[in-house]
PDB file of all heavy atoms in Angstrom:
ATOM      1  N   GLY A   1     -10.990  10.089 -10.321  1.00  0.00           N
ATOM      2  CA  GLY A   1      -9.731   9.296 -10.402  1.00  0.00           C
ATOM      3  C   GLY A   1      -9.979   7.894  -9.861  1.00  0.00           C
ATOM      4  O   GLY A   1     -11.061   7.449  -9.818  1.00  0.00           O
ATOM      5  N   TYR A   2      -8.858   7.201  -9.493  1.00  0.00           N
ATOM      6  CA  TYR A   2      -8.905   5.804  -9.171  1.00  0.00           C
ATOM      7  C   TYR A   2      -8.690   5.513  -7.698  1.00  0.00           C
ATOM      8  O   TYR A   2      -8.451   4.406  -7.298  1.00  0.00           O
ATOM      9  CB  TYR A   2      -7.911   5.055 -10.022  1.00  0.00           C
ATOM     10  CG  TYR A   2      -8.470   4.861 -11.400  1.00  0.00           C
ATOM     11  CD1 TYR A   2      -8.368   5.887 -12.313  1.00  0.00           C
ATOM     12  CD2 TYR A   2      -9.021   3.630 -11.784  1.00  0.00           C
ATOM     13  CE1 TYR A   2      -8.909   5.681 -13.695  1.00  0.00           C
ATOM     14  CE2 TYR A   2      -9.540   3.404 -13.081  1.00  0.00           C
ATOM     15  CZ  TYR A   2      -9.419   4.475 -13.973  1.00  0.00           C
ATOM     16  OH  TYR A   2      -9.853   4.309 -15.248  1.00  0.00           O
ATOM     17  N   ALA A   3      -8.696   6.587  -6.886  1.00  0.00           N
ATOM     18  CA  ALA A   3      -8.510   6.366  -5.456  1.00  0.00           C
ATOM     19  C   ALA A   3      -9.670   5.598  -4.858  1.00  0.00           C
ATOM     20  O   ALA A   3     -10.835   5.947  -5.047  1.00  0.00           O
ATOM     21  CB  ALA A   3      -8.391   7.713  -4.729  1.00  0.00           C
ATOM     22  N   PRO A   4      -9.427   4.499  -4.225  1.00  0.00           N
ATOM     23  CA  PRO A   4     -10.403   3.681  -3.592  1.00  0.00           C
ATOM     24  C   PRO A   4     -11.057   4.419  -2.453  1.00  0.00           C
ATOM     25  O   PRO A   4     -10.476   5.222  -1.794  1.00  0.00           O
ATOM     26  CB  PRO A   4      -9.691   2.407  -3.109  1.00  0.00           C
ATOM     27  CG  PRO A   4      -8.277   2.797  -2.980  1.00  0.00           C
ATOM     28  CD  PRO A   4      -8.090   3.917  -3.999  1.00  0.00           C
ATOM     29  N   PRO A   5     -12.291   4.148  -2.076  1.00  0.00           N
ATOM     30  CA  PRO A   5     -13.014   4.859  -1.002  1.00  0.00           C
ATOM     31  C   PRO A   5     -12.471   4.527   0.364  1.00  0.00           C
ATOM     32  O   PRO A   5     -11.879   3.494   0.567  1.00  0.00           O
ATOM     33  CB  PRO A   5     -14.449   4.401  -1.208  1.00  0.00           C
ATOM     34  CG  PRO A   5     -14.369   3.102  -1.800  1.00  0.00           C
ATOM     35  CD  PRO A   5     -13.160   3.142  -2.716  1.00  0.00           C
ATOM     36  N   MET A   6     -12.654   5.387   1.257  1.00  0.00           N
ATOM     37  CA  MET A   6     -12.238   5.156   2.681  1.00  0.00           C
ATOM     38  C   MET A   6     -13.279   4.412   3.404  1.00  0.00           C
ATOM     39  O   MET A   6     -14.026   4.893   4.227  1.00  0.00           O
ATOM     40  CB  MET A   6     -12.005   6.529   3.362  1.00  0.00           C
ATOM     41  CG  MET A   6     -10.888   7.350   2.750  1.00  0.00           C
ATOM     42  SD  MET A   6      -9.321   6.703   3.030  1.00  0.00           S
ATOM     43  CE  MET A   6      -9.144   7.118   4.805  1.00  0.00           C
ATOM     44  N   GLU A   7     -13.416   3.141   3.073  1.00  0.00           N
ATOM     45  CA  GLU A   7     -14.408   2.258   3.659  1.00  0.00           C
ATOM     46  C   GLU A   7     -13.696   1.030   4.271  1.00  0.00           C
ATOM     47  O   GLU A   7     -12.586   0.673   3.718  1.00  0.00           O
ATOM     48  CB  GLU A   7     -15.417   1.815   2.655  1.00  0.00           C
ATOM     49  CG  GLU A   7     -16.299   2.894   2.073  1.00  0.00           C
ATOM     50  CD  GLU A   7     -17.211   2.419   1.032  1.00  0.00           C
ATOM     51  OE1 GLU A   7     -17.427   1.141   0.946  1.00  0.00           O
ATOM     52  OE2 GLU A   7     -17.758   3.177   0.262  1.00  0.00           O
ATOM     53  N   PRO A   8     -14.224   0.407   5.255  1.00  0.00           N
ATOM     54  CA  PRO A   8     -13.591  -0.793   5.749  1.00  0.00           C
ATOM     55  C   PRO A   8     -13.621  -1.898   4.688  1.00  0.00           C
ATOM     56  O   PRO A   8     -14.497  -1.929   3.840  1.00  0.00           O
ATOM     57  CB  PRO A   8     -14.491  -1.235   6.960  1.00  0.00           C
ATOM     58  CG  PRO A   8     -15.255   0.027   7.316  1.00  0.00           C
ATOM     59  CD  PRO A   8     -15.420   0.779   6.047  1.00  0.00           C
ATOM     60  N   PHE A   9     -12.512  -2.671   4.740  1.00  0.00           N
ATOM     61  CA  PHE A   9     -12.377  -3.717   3.746  1.00  0.00           C
ATOM     62  C   PHE A   9     -13.255  -4.927   4.137  1.00  0.00           C
ATOM     63  O   PHE A   9     -13.340  -5.209   5.334  1.00  0.00           O
ATOM     64  CB  PHE A   9     -10.918  -4.199   3.690  1.00  0.00           C
ATOM     65  CG  PHE A   9     -10.689  -5.344   2.807  1.00  0.00           C
ATOM     66  CD1 PHE A   9     -10.909  -5.254   1.450  1.00  0.00           C
ATOM     67  CD2 PHE A   9     -10.359  -6.557   3.362  1.00  0.00           C
ATOM     68  CE1 PHE A   9     -10.683  -6.352   0.670  1.00  0.00           C
ATOM     69  CE2 PHE A   9     -10.226  -7.694   2.584  1.00  0.00           C
ATOM     70  CZ  PHE A   9     -10.322  -7.624   1.256  1.00  0.00           C
ATOM     71  N   ARG A  10     -13.921  -5.504   3.200  1.00  0.00           N
ATOM     72  CA  ARG A  10     -14.756  -6.690   3.421  1.00  0.00           C
ATOM     73  C   ARG A  10     -14.786  -7.582   2.228  1.00  0.00           C
ATOM     74  O   ARG A  10     -14.512  -7.110   1.117  1.00  0.00           O
ATOM     75  CB  ARG A  10     -16.175  -6.292   3.937  1.00  0.00           C
ATOM     76  CG  ARG A  10     -16.942  -5.627   2.810  1.00  0.00           C
ATOM     77  CD  ARG A  10     -18.333  -5.216   3.317  1.00  0.00           C
ATOM     78  NE  ARG A  10     -19.119  -4.636   2.190  1.00  0.00           N
ATOM     79  CZ  ARG A  10     -19.168  -3.345   1.865  1.00  0.00           C
ATOM     80  NH1 ARG A  10     -18.340  -2.512   2.434  1.00  0.00           N
ATOM     81  NH2 ARG A  10     -19.918  -2.940   0.919  1.00  0.00           N
ATOM     82  N   PHE A  11     -15.001  -8.801   2.401  1.00  0.00           N
ATOM     83  CA  PHE A  11     -15.246  -9.794   1.362  1.00  0.00           C
ATOM     84  C   PHE A  11     -16.658  -9.920   1.048  1.00  0.00           C
ATOM     85  O   PHE A  11     -17.490 -10.023   1.936  1.00  0.00           O
ATOM     86  CB  PHE A  11     -14.647 -11.143   1.790  1.00  0.00           C
ATOM     87  CG  PHE A  11     -13.187 -11.222   1.939  1.00  0.00           C
ATOM     88  CD1 PHE A  11     -12.619 -11.080   3.171  1.00  0.00           C
ATOM     89  CD2 PHE A  11     -12.397 -11.458   0.861  1.00  0.00           C
ATOM     90  CE1 PHE A  11     -11.259 -11.118   3.360  1.00  0.00           C
ATOM     91  CE2 PHE A  11     -11.004 -11.541   1.012  1.00  0.00           C
ATOM     92  CZ  PHE A  11     -10.471 -11.439   2.258  1.00  0.00           C
ATOM     93  N   ASP A  12     -16.956  -9.854  -0.266  1.00  0.00           N
ATOM     94  CA  ASP A  12     -18.342 -10.087  -0.716  1.00  0.00           C
ATOM     95  C   ASP A  12     -18.313 -11.016  -1.874  1.00  0.00           C
ATOM     96  O   ASP A  12     -17.389 -11.163  -2.616  1.00  0.00           O
ATOM     97  CB  ASP A  12     -18.978  -8.847  -1.156  1.00  0.00           C
ATOM     98  CG  ASP A  12     -19.407  -7.892  -0.008  1.00  0.00           C
ATOM     99  OD1 ASP A  12     -19.615  -8.459   1.042  1.00  0.00           O
ATOM    100  OD2 ASP A  12     -19.569  -6.694  -0.209  1.00  0.00           O
ATOM    101  N   ALA A  13     -19.467 -11.710  -2.108  1.00  0.00           N
ATOM    102  CA  ALA A  13     -19.621 -12.441  -3.312  1.00  0.00           C
ATOM    103  C   ALA A  13     -19.739 -11.512  -4.434  1.00  0.00           C
ATOM    104  O   ALA A  13     -20.154 -10.342  -4.258  1.00  0.00           O
ATOM    105  CB  ALA A  13     -20.873 -13.316  -3.241  1.00  0.00           C
ATOM    106  N   ALA A  14     -19.307 -11.956  -5.623  1.00  0.00           N
ATOM    107  CA  ALA A  14     -19.373 -11.057  -6.785  1.00  0.00           C
ATOM    108  C   ALA A  14     -19.707 -11.902  -8.009  1.00  0.00           C
ATOM    109  O   ALA A  14     -19.415 -13.068  -8.064  1.00  0.00           O
ATOM    110  CB  ALA A  14     -18.029 -10.368  -6.940  1.00  0.00           C
ATOM    111  N   PRO A  15     -20.260 -11.175  -9.080  1.00  0.00           N
ATOM    112  CA  PRO A  15     -20.502 -11.978 -10.298  1.00  0.00           C
ATOM    113  C   PRO A  15     -19.209 -12.485 -10.883  1.00  0.00           C
ATOM    114  O   PRO A  15     -18.106 -11.954 -10.615  1.00  0.00           O
ATOM    115  CB  PRO A  15     -21.097 -10.904 -11.188  1.00  0.00           C
ATOM    116  CG  PRO A  15     -21.602  -9.807 -10.289  1.00  0.00           C
ATOM    117  CD  PRO A  15     -20.741  -9.876  -9.147  1.00  0.00           C
ATOM    118  N   ARG A  16     -19.260 -13.484 -11.713  1.00  0.00           N
ATOM    119  CA  ARG A  16     -18.129 -14.116 -12.315  1.00  0.00           C
ATOM    120  C   ARG A  16     -17.295 -13.098 -13.160  1.00  0.00           C
ATOM    121  O   ARG A  16     -17.817 -12.279 -13.836  1.00  0.00           O
ATOM    122  CB  ARG A  16     -18.515 -15.282 -13.197  1.00  0.00           C
ATOM    123  CG  ARG A  16     -17.308 -15.818 -13.965  1.00  0.00           C
ATOM    124  CD  ARG A  16     -17.569 -17.322 -14.268  1.00  0.00           C
ATOM    125  NE  ARG A  16     -16.374 -17.874 -14.875  1.00  0.00           N
ATOM    126  CZ  ARG A  16     -15.402 -18.377 -14.132  1.00  0.00           C
ATOM    127  NH1 ARG A  16     -15.406 -18.389 -12.832  1.00  0.00           N
ATOM    128  NH2 ARG A  16     -14.364 -18.859 -14.697  1.00  0.00           N
ATOM    129  N   GLY A  17     -15.942 -13.101 -12.895  1.00  0.00           N
ATOM    130  CA  GLY A  17     -15.047 -12.265 -13.646  1.00  0.00           C
ATOM    131  C   GLY A  17     -14.902 -10.847 -13.028  1.00  0.00           C
ATOM    132  O   GLY A  17     -14.187 -10.051 -13.471  1.00  0.00           O
ATOM    133  N   ARG A  18     -15.593 -10.599 -11.876  1.00  0.00           N
ATOM    134  CA  ARG A  18     -15.478  -9.354 -11.191  1.00  0.00           C
ATOM    135  C   ARG A  18     -14.756  -9.566  -9.809  1.00  0.00           C
ATOM    136  O   ARG A  18     -14.554 -10.609  -9.415  1.00  0.00           O
ATOM    137  CB  ARG A  18     -16.864  -8.687 -11.110  1.00  0.00           C
ATOM    138  CG  ARG A  18     -17.456  -8.306 -12.373  1.00  0.00           C
ATOM    139  CD  ARG A  18     -18.694  -7.518 -12.161  1.00  0.00           C
ATOM    140  NE  ARG A  18     -18.459  -6.350 -11.368  1.00  0.00           N
ATOM    141  CZ  ARG A  18     -19.433  -5.591 -10.861  1.00  0.00           C
ATOM    142  NH1 ARG A  18     -20.720  -5.896 -11.156  1.00  0.00           N
ATOM    143  NH2 ARG A  18     -19.217  -4.521 -10.128  1.00  0.00           N
ATOM    144  N   SER A  19     -14.530  -8.489  -9.195  1.00  0.00           N
ATOM    145  CA  SER A  19     -13.768  -8.451  -7.962  1.00  0.00           C
ATOM    146  C   SER A  19     -14.457  -9.170  -6.852  1.00  0.00           C
ATOM    147  O   SER A  19     -15.686  -9.090  -6.779  1.00  0.00           O
ATOM    148  CB  SER A  19     -13.454  -6.990  -7.544  1.00  0.00           C
ATOM    149  OG  SER A  19     -13.003  -7.025  -6.231  1.00  0.00           O
ATOM    150  N   ILE A  20     -13.669  -9.840  -5.991  1.00  0.00           N
ATOM    151  CA  ILE A  20     -14.249 -10.394  -4.713  1.00  0.00           C
ATOM    152  C   ILE A  20     -14.180  -9.354  -3.666  1.00  0.00           C
ATOM    153  O   ILE A  20     -14.714  -9.654  -2.539  1.00  0.00           O
ATOM    154  CB  ILE A  20     -13.442 -11.670  -4.305  1.00  0.00           C
ATOM    155  CG1 ILE A  20     -12.015 -11.283  -4.025  1.00  0.00           C
ATOM    156  CG2 ILE A  20     -13.526 -12.749  -5.393  1.00  0.00           C
ATOM    157  CD1 ILE A  20     -11.208 -12.443  -3.403  1.00  0.00           C
ATOM    158  N   TYR A  21     -13.621  -8.198  -3.924  1.00  0.00           N
ATOM    159  CA  TYR A  21     -13.444  -7.185  -2.900  1.00  0.00           C
ATOM    160  C   TYR A  21     -14.387  -6.084  -3.203  1.00  0.00           C
ATOM    161  O   TYR A  21     -14.464  -5.532  -4.268  1.00  0.00           O
ATOM    162  CB  TYR A  21     -12.015  -6.696  -2.870  1.00  0.00           C
ATOM    163  CG  TYR A  21     -10.977  -7.789  -2.705  1.00  0.00           C
ATOM    164  CD1 TYR A  21     -10.217  -8.122  -3.794  1.00  0.00           C
ATOM    165  CD2 TYR A  21     -10.940  -8.531  -1.568  1.00  0.00           C
ATOM    166  CE1 TYR A  21      -9.286  -9.123  -3.662  1.00  0.00           C
ATOM    167  CE2 TYR A  21     -10.018  -9.519  -1.438  1.00  0.00           C
ATOM    168  CZ  TYR A  21      -9.169  -9.823  -2.461  1.00  0.00           C
ATOM    169  OH  TYR A  21      -8.300 -10.892  -2.352  1.00  0.00           O
ATOM    170  N   SER A  22     -15.140  -5.685  -2.166  1.00  0.00           N
ATOM    171  CA  SER A  22     -16.143  -4.583  -2.422  1.00  0.00           C
ATOM    172  C   SER A  22     -15.686  -3.224  -2.171  1.00  0.00           C
ATOM    173  O   SER A  22     -16.256  -2.292  -2.628  1.00  0.00           O
ATOM    174  CB  SER A  22     -17.312  -4.861  -1.536  1.00  0.00           C
ATOM    175  OG  SER A  22     -16.891  -4.829  -0.145  1.00  0.00           O
ATOM    176  N   ALA A  23     -14.591  -3.108  -1.388  1.00  0.00           N
ATOM    177  CA  ALA A  23     -14.020  -1.758  -1.185  1.00  0.00           C
ATOM    178  C   ALA A  23     -12.579  -1.867  -0.693  1.00  0.00           C
ATOM    179  O   ALA A  23     -12.082  -2.964  -0.370  1.00  0.00           O
ATOM    180  CB  ALA A  23     -14.856  -1.125  -0.029  1.00  0.00           C
ATOM    181  N   ALA A  24     -11.933  -0.743  -0.681  1.00  0.00           N
ATOM    182  CA  ALA A  24     -10.586  -0.745  -0.297  1.00  0.00           C
ATOM    183  C   ALA A  24     -10.298   0.467   0.517  1.00  0.00           C
ATOM    184  O   ALA A  24     -10.931   1.463   0.364  1.00  0.00           O
ATOM    185  CB  ALA A  24      -9.606  -0.824  -1.537  1.00  0.00           C
ATOM    186  N   ALA A  25      -9.238   0.461   1.343  1.00  0.00           N
ATOM    187  CA  ALA A  25      -8.932   1.548   2.108  1.00  0.00           C
ATOM    188  C   ALA A  25      -7.729   2.302   1.581  1.00  0.00           C
ATOM    189  O   ALA A  25      -7.067   1.794   0.612  1.00  0.00           O
ATOM    190  CB  ALA A  25      -8.570   1.088   3.507  1.00  0.00           C
ATOM    191  N   SER A  26      -7.418   3.458   2.036  1.00  0.00           N
ATOM    192  CA  SER A  26      -6.319   4.227   1.542  1.00  0.00           C
ATOM    193  C   SER A  26      -4.986   3.583   1.993  1.00  0.00           C
ATOM    194  O   SER A  26      -4.947   2.866   2.946  1.00  0.00           O
ATOM    195  CB  SER A  26      -6.388   5.659   2.104  1.00  0.00           C
ATOM    196  OG  SER A  26      -5.969   5.655   3.458  1.00  0.00           O
ATOM    197  N   PRO A  27      -3.915   3.859   1.300  1.00  0.00           N
ATOM    198  CA  PRO A  27      -2.664   3.283   1.645  1.00  0.00           C
ATOM    199  C   PRO A  27      -2.152   3.813   3.050  1.00  0.00           C
ATOM    200  O   PRO A  27      -1.355   3.213   3.696  1.00  0.00           O
ATOM    201  CB  PRO A  27      -1.654   3.744   0.577  1.00  0.00           C
ATOM    202  CG  PRO A  27      -2.315   4.953  -0.043  1.00  0.00           C
ATOM    203  CD  PRO A  27      -3.782   4.708   0.059  1.00  0.00           C
ATOM    204  N   ALA A  28      -2.646   4.908   3.521  1.00  0.00           N
ATOM    205  CA  ALA A  28      -2.198   5.376   4.761  1.00  0.00           C
ATOM    206  C   ALA A  28      -3.000   4.727   5.952  1.00  0.00           C
ATOM    207  O   ALA A  28      -2.655   4.913   7.152  1.00  0.00           O
ATOM    208  CB  ALA A  28      -2.443   6.907   4.863  1.00  0.00           C
TER     209      ALA A  28
END
């Protein structure tokens, strides 16, 4: 599915056209 992993949020560099976010936390 599309549930993001339970990892701390951080900013990372990313290739052009891709996300600047490397991970996401759960809505809870």
